[in-house]
Amino acid sequence: MILEGRVRLNRRVVGELGTKADPLTDRIEVDGRLISTGAPRVYILLNKPKGTISSVTDPRKRPVVVDLVSRVKQKVFPVGRLDYDAEGVLLLTNDGELANRLTHPRHSVPKKYLVKVKDVPDEKDMKKLSRGVHLEDGRTLPAKVRFVRKTRENSWIELTVVEGRNRLVKRMCQAVGHPVMKLKRVEFAGLGLGGLKPGQWRYLTHAEVERLRAVVGE
């Protein structure tokens, strides 16, 4: 069947014999029909605490996010990443197709952060963040930025980005001269924390999953 071009893996024709796939996370089709493993799809919203790795394993034996959902029977993995010292909304699932779409740049999935930055950014700094700043890997896309409040020495801003580059928010704020002191993701694709405290989680509702699918045009 592979040699005849009848097998697709994640929507691409498989051409090499012995190609491996994970039936829990990959989309496998034969003759255009989706092969179901019978494993139920699971969608979880976690309030990731600081000091955890957004992964299923860590070679340095640091705590990973899947440890926090250990009572979930299905094997799940995080959708995207949150830095070790950051906290907030993180989705976990075993739906590889949806996860791939949510993290693909072409879908521009919004991610909203509450950011504590050093000192107080002025109007010029805020405009730079909103219009895009130059980083070593290219100029950032336009972002939504809002000043929240000033603290004794620093300040809080709200920043919404649609990119998934590594350490993007920290690098953006550093580029305008206001290093990040604390970082919390408060929304991902429109889903917020609600009353979840750090380390707590819940299953997404059917309506929320459908909303995610709509965001990525699935």
C-alpha atoms as a PDB file:
ATOM      1  CA  MET A   1       0.000   0.000   0.000  1.00  0.00           C
ATOM      2  CA  ILE A   2       2.887   2.373   0.752  1.00  0.00           C
ATOM      3  CA  LEU A   3       4.575   1.616  -2.577  1.00  0.00           C
ATOM      4  CA  GLU A   4       1.263   2.287  -4.331  1.00  0.00           C
ATOM      5  CA  GLY A   5       1.024   5.709  -2.647  1.00  0.00           C
ATOM      6  CA  ARG A   6      -2.150   4.814  -0.752  1.00  0.00           C
ATOM      7  CA  VAL A   7      -0.888   5.756   2.731  1.00  0.00           C
ATOM      8  CA  ARG A   8      -0.723   9.287   4.110  1.00  0.00           C
ATOM      9  CA  LEU A   9       0.897  10.431   7.349  1.00  0.00           C
ATOM     10  CA  ASN A  10      -0.221  13.847   8.597  1.00  0.00           C
ATOM     11  CA  ARG A  11      -1.697  14.555   5.136  1.00  0.00           C
ATOM     12  CA  ARG A  12       1.530  13.690   3.266  1.00  0.00           C
ATOM     13  CA  VAL A  13       1.977  10.605   1.118  1.00  0.00           C
ATOM     14  CA  VAL A  14       4.350   8.104   2.731  1.00  0.00           C
ATOM     15  CA  GLY A  15       7.030   7.025   0.270  1.00  0.00           C
ATOM     16  CA  GLU A  16       9.483   5.127   2.462  1.00  0.00           C
ATOM     17  CA  LEU A  17       8.929   1.635   3.782  1.00  0.00           C
ATOM     18  CA  GLY A  18       9.437   1.359   7.530  1.00  0.00           C
ATOM     19  CA  THR A  19       8.230   4.905   8.229  1.00  0.00           C
ATOM     20  CA  LYS A  20       7.210   5.158  11.867  1.00  0.00           C
ATOM     21  CA  ALA A  21       4.169   6.907  13.318  1.00  0.00           C
ATOM     22  CA  ASP A  22       2.497   7.321  16.686  1.00  0.00           C
ATOM     23  CA  PRO A  23      -1.167   6.283  16.360  1.00  0.00           C
ATOM     24  CA  LEU A  24      -2.083   8.491  19.331  1.00  0.00           C
ATOM     25  CA  THR A  25      -0.668  11.703  17.928  1.00  0.00           C
ATOM     26  CA  ASP A  26      -0.312  11.263  14.158  1.00  0.00           C
ATOM     27  CA  ARG A  27      -2.994  11.339  11.486  1.00  0.00           C
ATOM     28  CA  ILE A  28      -2.814   8.117   9.446  1.00  0.00           C
ATOM     29  CA  GLU A  29      -4.916   7.628   6.301  1.00  0.00           C
ATOM     30  CA  VAL A  30      -5.254   4.712   3.886  1.00  0.00           C
ATOM     31  CA  ASP A  31      -7.071   5.290   0.599  1.00  0.00           C
ATOM     32  CA  GLY A  32      -8.258   8.629   1.983  1.00  0.00           C
ATOM     33  CA  ARG A  33      -9.863   7.068   5.052  1.00  0.00           C
ATOM     34  CA  LEU A  34      -8.691   8.032   8.539  1.00  0.00           C
ATOM     35  CA  ILE A  35      -7.452   5.078  10.583  1.00  0.00           C
ATOM     36  CA  SER A  36      -8.876   5.282  14.098  1.00  0.00           C
ATOM     37  CA  THR A  37      -7.075   3.682  17.034  1.00  0.00           C
ATOM     38  CA  GLY A  38     -10.197   3.799  19.151  1.00  0.00           C
ATOM     39  CA  ALA A  39      -8.363   5.867  21.782  1.00  0.00           C
ATOM     40  CA  PRO A  40     -10.533   8.785  22.927  1.00  0.00           C
ATOM     41  CA  ARG A  41      -9.233  12.261  22.212  1.00  0.00           C
ATOM     42  CA  VAL A  42      -8.401  14.247  25.318  1.00  0.00           C
ATOM     43  CA  TYR A  43      -8.135  18.040  25.617  1.00  0.00           C
ATOM     44  CA  ILE A  44      -6.824  19.597  28.828  1.00  0.00           C
ATOM     45  CA  LEU A  45      -6.274  23.170  29.983  1.00  0.00           C
ATOM     46  CA  LEU A  46      -3.533  23.435  32.605  1.00  0.00           C
ATOM     47  CA  ASN A  47      -2.400  26.407  34.647  1.00  0.00           C
ATOM     48  CA  LYS A  48       1.288  25.657  34.313  1.00  0.00           C
ATOM     49  CA  PRO A  49       3.240  26.639  37.420  1.00  0.00           C
ATOM     50  CA  LYS A  50       6.729  28.099  37.345  1.00  0.00           C
ATOM     51  CA  GLY A  51       9.503  25.554  37.652  1.00  0.00           C
ATOM     52  CA  THR A  52       8.041  22.966  35.286  1.00  0.00           C
ATOM     53  CA  ILE A  53       9.158  21.978  31.793  1.00  0.00           C
ATOM     54  CA  SER A  54       6.673  22.027  28.904  1.00  0.00           C
ATOM     55  CA  SER A  55       7.532  18.495  27.830  1.00  0.00           C
ATOM     56  CA  VAL A  56       6.765  14.845  28.524  1.00  0.00           C
ATOM     57  CA  THR A  57      10.314  14.097  29.717  1.00  0.00           C
ATOM     58  CA  ASP A  58      13.393  16.023  30.800  1.00  0.00           C
ATOM     59  CA  PRO A  59      16.958  14.638  30.653  1.00  0.00           C
ATOM     60  CA  ARG A  60      17.854  16.725  33.699  1.00  0.00           C
ATOM     61  CA  LYS A  61      15.005  15.125  35.678  1.00  0.00           C
ATOM     62  CA  ARG A  62      13.232  18.432  36.300  1.00  0.00           C
ATOM     63  CA  PRO A  63       9.440  18.361  36.817  1.00  0.00           C
ATOM     64  CA  VAL A  64       7.477  18.161  33.553  1.00  0.00           C
ATOM     65  CA  VAL A  65       3.890  19.254  32.896  1.00  0.00           C
ATOM     66  CA  VAL A  66       2.571  15.754  32.242  1.00  0.00           C
ATOM     67  CA  ASP A  67       3.418  14.895  35.854  1.00  0.00           C
ATOM     68  CA  LEU A  68       0.627  17.291  36.851  1.00  0.00           C
ATOM     69  CA  VAL A  69      -1.986  15.309  34.885  1.00  0.00           C
ATOM     70  CA  SER A  70      -0.716  11.851  35.818  1.00  0.00           C
ATOM     71  CA  ARG A  71      -4.193  10.555  36.619  1.00  0.00           C
ATOM     72  CA  VAL A  72      -5.253  11.043  32.978  1.00  0.00           C
ATOM     73  CA  LYS A  73      -5.257   7.564  31.422  1.00  0.00           C
ATOM     74  CA  GLN A  74      -4.416   8.707  27.903  1.00  0.00           C
ATOM     75  CA  LYS A  75      -0.912   9.716  26.849  1.00  0.00           C
ATOM     76  CA  VAL A  76      -0.963  13.501  26.317  1.00  0.00           C
ATOM     77  CA  PHE A  77       1.611  16.098  25.333  1.00  0.00           C
ATOM     78  CA  PRO A  78       1.779  19.916  25.541  1.00  0.00           C
ATOM     79  CA  VAL A  79       0.667  22.126  22.658  1.00  0.00           C
ATOM     80  CA  GLY A  80       3.601  24.478  22.182  1.00  0.00           C
ATOM     81  CA  ARG A  81       5.757  25.624  25.062  1.00  0.00           C
ATOM     82  CA  LEU A  82       5.932  27.921  28.048  1.00  0.00           C
ATOM     83  CA  ASP A  83       9.314  28.811  29.528  1.00  0.00           C
ATOM     84  CA  TYR A  84      10.507  27.050  32.689  1.00  0.00           C
ATOM     85  CA  ASP A  85      10.081  30.233  34.743  1.00  0.00           C
ATOM     86  CA  ALA A  86       6.756  31.232  33.141  1.00  0.00           C
ATOM     87  CA  GLU A  87       3.249  30.220  34.212  1.00  0.00           C
ATOM     88  CA  GLY A  88      -0.268  30.210  32.823  1.00  0.00           C
ATOM     89  CA  VAL A  89      -2.410  28.633  30.117  1.00  0.00           C
ATOM     90  CA  LEU A  90      -1.006  25.501  28.519  1.00  0.00           C
ATOM     91  CA  LEU A  91      -3.035  23.007  26.504  1.00  0.00           C
ATOM     92  CA  LEU A  92      -2.313  19.278  26.560  1.00  0.00           C
ATOM     93  CA  THR A  93      -3.840  16.721  24.212  1.00  0.00           C
ATOM     94  CA  ASN A  94      -3.351  13.496  22.287  1.00  0.00           C
ATOM     95  CA  ASP A  95      -4.838  15.051  19.151  1.00  0.00           C
ATOM     96  CA  GLY A  96      -1.733  15.524  17.038  1.00  0.00           C
ATOM     97  CA  GLU A  97      -3.586  16.987  14.082  1.00  0.00           C
ATOM     98  CA  LEU A  98      -5.158  19.802  16.082  1.00  0.00           C
ATOM     99  CA  ALA A  99      -1.939  20.421  18.016  1.00  0.00           C
ATOM    100  CA  ASN A 100       0.016  20.812  14.786  1.00  0.00           C
ATOM    101  CA  ARG A 101      -2.505  23.302  13.445  1.00  0.00           C
ATOM    102  CA  LEU A 102      -2.552  25.341  16.652  1.00  0.00           C
ATOM    103  CA  THR A 103       1.229  25.709  16.578  1.00  0.00           C
ATOM    104  CA  HIS A 104       1.642  26.259  12.820  1.00  0.00           C
ATOM    105  CA  PRO A 105       2.626  29.860  11.979  1.00  0.00           C
ATOM    106  CA  ARG A 106       0.094  30.220   9.165  1.00  0.00           C
ATOM    107  CA  HIS A 107      -2.856  30.064  11.573  1.00  0.00           C
ATOM    108  CA  SER A 108      -1.668  33.042  13.679  1.00  0.00           C
ATOM    109  CA  VAL A 109      -3.181  31.696  16.898  1.00  0.00           C
ATOM    110  CA  PRO A 110      -3.344  34.538  19.488  1.00  0.00           C
ATOM    111  CA  LYS A 111      -1.530  34.152  22.803  1.00  0.00           C
ATOM    112  CA  LYS A 112      -2.117  36.765  25.497  1.00  0.00           C
ATOM    113  CA  TYR A 113       0.430  37.420  28.258  1.00  0.00           C
ATOM    114  CA  LEU A 114       0.492  39.467  31.426  1.00  0.00           C
ATOM    115  CA  VAL A 115       4.064  40.698  31.690  1.00  0.00           C
ATOM    116  CA  LYS A 116       5.913  42.402  34.516  1.00  0.00           C
ATOM    117  CA  VAL A 117       8.719  44.457  32.981  1.00  0.00           C
ATOM    118  CA  LYS A 118      11.541  46.483  34.447  1.00  0.00           C
ATOM    119  CA  ASP A 119      10.874  50.227  34.781  1.00  0.00           C
ATOM    120  CA  VAL A 120       7.994  51.877  32.900  1.00  0.00           C
ATOM    121  CA  PRO A 121       7.751  51.673  29.084  1.00  0.00           C
ATOM    122  CA  ASP A 122       6.819  54.979  27.482  1.00  0.00           C
ATOM    123  CA  GLU A 123       4.505  55.510  24.514  1.00  0.00           C
ATOM    124  CA  LYS A 124       7.384  55.070  22.062  1.00  0.00           C
ATOM    125  CA  ASP A 125       8.282  51.678  23.548  1.00  0.00           C
ATOM    126  CA  MET A 126       4.667  50.536  23.451  1.00  0.00           C
ATOM    127  CA  LYS A 127       4.358  51.531  19.778  1.00  0.00           C
ATOM    128  CA  LYS A 128       7.501  49.574  18.954  1.00  0.00           C
ATOM    129  CA  LEU A 129       6.032  46.459  20.540  1.00  0.00           C
ATOM    130  CA  SER A 130       2.740  46.897  18.701  1.00  0.00           C
ATOM    131  CA  ARG A 131       4.293  47.575  15.297  1.00  0.00           C
ATOM    132  CA  GLY A 132       7.042  44.953  15.541  1.00  0.00           C
ATOM    133  CA  VAL A 133      10.630  44.980  16.802  1.00  0.00           C
ATOM    134  CA  HIS A 134      13.814  43.739  15.144  1.00  0.00           C
ATOM    135  CA  LEU A 135      15.199  40.518  16.648  1.00  0.00           C
ATOM    136  CA  GLU A 136      18.143  38.361  15.583  1.00  0.00           C
ATOM    137  CA  ASP A 137      15.769  36.005  13.756  1.00  0.00           C
ATOM    138  CA  GLY A 138      13.745  38.742  12.050  1.00  0.00           C
ATOM    139  CA  ARG A 139      11.207  41.446  12.753  1.00  0.00           C
ATOM    140  CA  THR A 140       8.223  40.451  14.868  1.00  0.00           C
ATOM    141  CA  LEU A 141       4.682  40.634  13.564  1.00  0.00           C
ATOM    142  CA  PRO A 142       2.383  43.398  14.861  1.00  0.00           C
ATOM    143  CA  ALA A 143       1.153  42.703  18.394  1.00  0.00           C
ATOM    144  CA  LYS A 144      -1.513  44.088  20.692  1.00  0.00           C
ATOM    145  CA  VAL A 145      -0.116  45.852  23.733  1.00  0.00           C
ATOM    146  CA  ARG A 146      -1.817  47.554  26.662  1.00  0.00           C
ATOM    147  CA  PHE A 147      -0.364  49.236  29.738  1.00  0.00           C
ATOM    148  CA  VAL A 148      -1.917  47.711  32.864  1.00  0.00           C
ATOM    149  CA  ARG A 149      -0.388  49.412  35.899  1.00  0.00           C
ATOM    150  CA  LYS A 150       2.767  50.702  37.492  1.00  0.00           C
ATOM    151  CA  THR A 151       4.300  49.103  40.569  1.00  0.00           C
ATOM    152  CA  ARG A 152       6.760  50.712  42.952  1.00  0.00           C
ATOM    153  CA  GLU A 153       9.726  50.220  40.604  1.00  0.00           C
ATOM    154  CA  ASN A 154       8.396  48.332  37.596  1.00  0.00           C
ATOM    155  CA  SER A 155       5.162  47.909  35.647  1.00  0.00           C
ATOM    156  CA  TRP A 156       2.739  45.400  34.141  1.00  0.00           C
ATOM    157  CA  ILE A 157       1.726  45.282  30.492  1.00  0.00           C
ATOM    158  CA  GLU A 158      -0.592  43.009  28.530  1.00  0.00           C
ATOM    159  CA  LEU A 159       0.891  41.670  25.304  1.00  0.00           C
ATOM    160  CA  THR A 160      -0.900  39.545  22.679  1.00  0.00           C
ATOM    161  CA  VAL A 161       1.214  37.896  19.989  1.00  0.00           C
ATOM    162  CA  VAL A 162       0.389  35.514  17.131  1.00  0.00           C
ATOM    163  CA  GLU A 163       3.830  33.977  16.708  1.00  0.00           C
ATOM    164  CA  GLY A 164       5.351  30.990  18.464  1.00  0.00           C
ATOM    165  CA  ARG A 165       9.048  31.812  18.344  1.00  0.00           C
ATOM    166  CA  ASN A 166      11.262  30.695  21.199  1.00  0.00           C
ATOM    167  CA  ARG A 167      11.233  33.129  24.162  1.00  0.00           C
ATOM    168  CA  LEU A 168       9.476  35.671  21.928  1.00  0.00           C
ATOM    169  CA  VAL A 169       7.873  37.886  24.596  1.00  0.00           C
ATOM    170  CA  LYS A 170      11.069  38.078  26.642  1.00  0.00           C
ATOM    171  CA  ARG A 171      13.120  39.004  23.600  1.00  0.00           C
ATOM    172  CA  MET A 172      10.605  41.621  22.457  1.00  0.00           C
ATOM    173  CA  CYS A 173      10.593  43.372  25.810  1.00  0.00           C
ATOM    174  CA  GLN A 174      14.375  43.150  26.074  1.00  0.00           C
ATOM    175  CA  ALA A 175      14.645  44.750  22.622  1.00  0.00           C
ATOM    176  CA  VAL A 176      12.798  47.874  23.793  1.00  0.00           C
ATOM    177  CA  GLY A 177      14.858  48.122  26.982  1.00  0.00           C
ATOM    178  CA  HIS A 178      12.446  46.599  29.493  1.00  0.00           C
ATOM    179  CA  PRO A 179      13.528  43.086  30.537  1.00  0.00           C
ATOM    180  CA  VAL A 180      10.825  40.689  31.728  1.00  0.00           C
ATOM    181  CA  MET A 181      10.615  40.134  35.474  1.00  0.00           C
ATOM    182  CA  LYS A 182       7.557  37.852  35.475  1.00  0.00           C
ATOM    183  CA  LEU A 183       5.563  36.207  32.695  1.00  0.00           C
ATOM    184  CA  LYS A 184       2.084  34.703  32.779  1.00  0.00           C
ATOM    185  CA  ARG A 185       0.083  33.503  29.776  1.00  0.00           C
ATOM    186  CA  VAL A 186      -3.533  34.361  30.486  1.00  0.00           C
ATOM    187  CA  GLU A 187      -5.091  33.194  27.194  1.00  0.00           C
ATOM    188  CA  PHE A 188      -4.347  30.785  24.380  1.00  0.00           C
ATOM    189  CA  ALA A 189      -6.603  30.900  21.307  1.00  0.00           C
ATOM    190  CA  GLY A 190      -9.215  32.696  23.407  1.00  0.00           C
ATOM    191  CA  LEU A 191      -9.167  30.173  26.272  1.00  0.00           C
ATOM    192  CA  GLY A 192      -8.440  31.677  29.688  1.00  0.00           C
ATOM    193  CA  LEU A 193      -7.547  30.310  33.105  1.00  0.00           C
ATOM    194  CA  GLY A 194     -10.854  30.986  34.812  1.00  0.00           C
ATOM    195  CA  GLY A 195     -10.407  30.047  38.460  1.00  0.00           C
ATOM    196  CA  LEU A 196      -7.580  27.563  37.953  1.00  0.00           C
ATOM    197  CA  LYS A 197      -4.667  28.010  40.333  1.00  0.00           C
ATOM    198  CA  PRO A 198      -1.075  27.095  39.361  1.00  0.00           C
ATOM    199  CA  GLY A 199      -0.861  23.334  38.971  1.00  0.00           C
ATOM    200  CA  GLN A 200      -4.616  22.849  38.548  1.00  0.00           C
ATOM    201  CA  TRP A 201      -6.236  21.651  35.322  1.00  0.00           C
ATOM    202  CA  ARG A 202      -9.547  20.763  33.732  1.00  0.00           C
ATOM    203  CA  TYR A 203     -10.898  19.083  30.605  1.00  0.00           C
ATOM    204  CA  LEU A 204     -12.045  21.350  27.792  1.00  0.00           C
ATOM    205  CA  THR A 205     -15.733  21.301  26.970  1.00  0.00           C
ATOM    206  CA  HIS A 206     -16.961  20.125  23.572  1.00  0.00           C
ATOM    207  CA  ALA A 207     -17.804  23.734  22.683  1.00  0.00           C
ATOM    208  CA  GLU A 208     -14.271  24.870  23.564  1.00  0.00           C
ATOM    209  CA  VAL A 209     -12.719  22.157  21.394  1.00  0.00           C
ATOM    210  CA  GLU A 210     -14.950  23.170  18.507  1.00  0.00           C
ATOM    211  CA  ARG A 211     -13.863  26.769  19.023  1.00  0.00           C
ATOM    212  CA  LEU A 212     -10.221  25.721  18.772  1.00  0.00           C
ATOM    213  CA  ARG A 213     -10.975  23.861  15.561  1.00  0.00           C
ATOM    214  CA  ALA A 214     -12.673  26.966  14.173  1.00  0.00           C
ATOM    215  CA  VAL A 215      -9.632  29.103  15.009  1.00  0.00           C
ATOM    216  CA  VAL A 216      -7.447  26.927  12.783  1.00  0.00           C
ATOM    217  CA  GLY A 217     -10.080  26.357  10.134  1.00  0.00           C
ATOM    218  CA  GLU A 218     -10.525  22.648  10.805  1.00  0.00           C
END
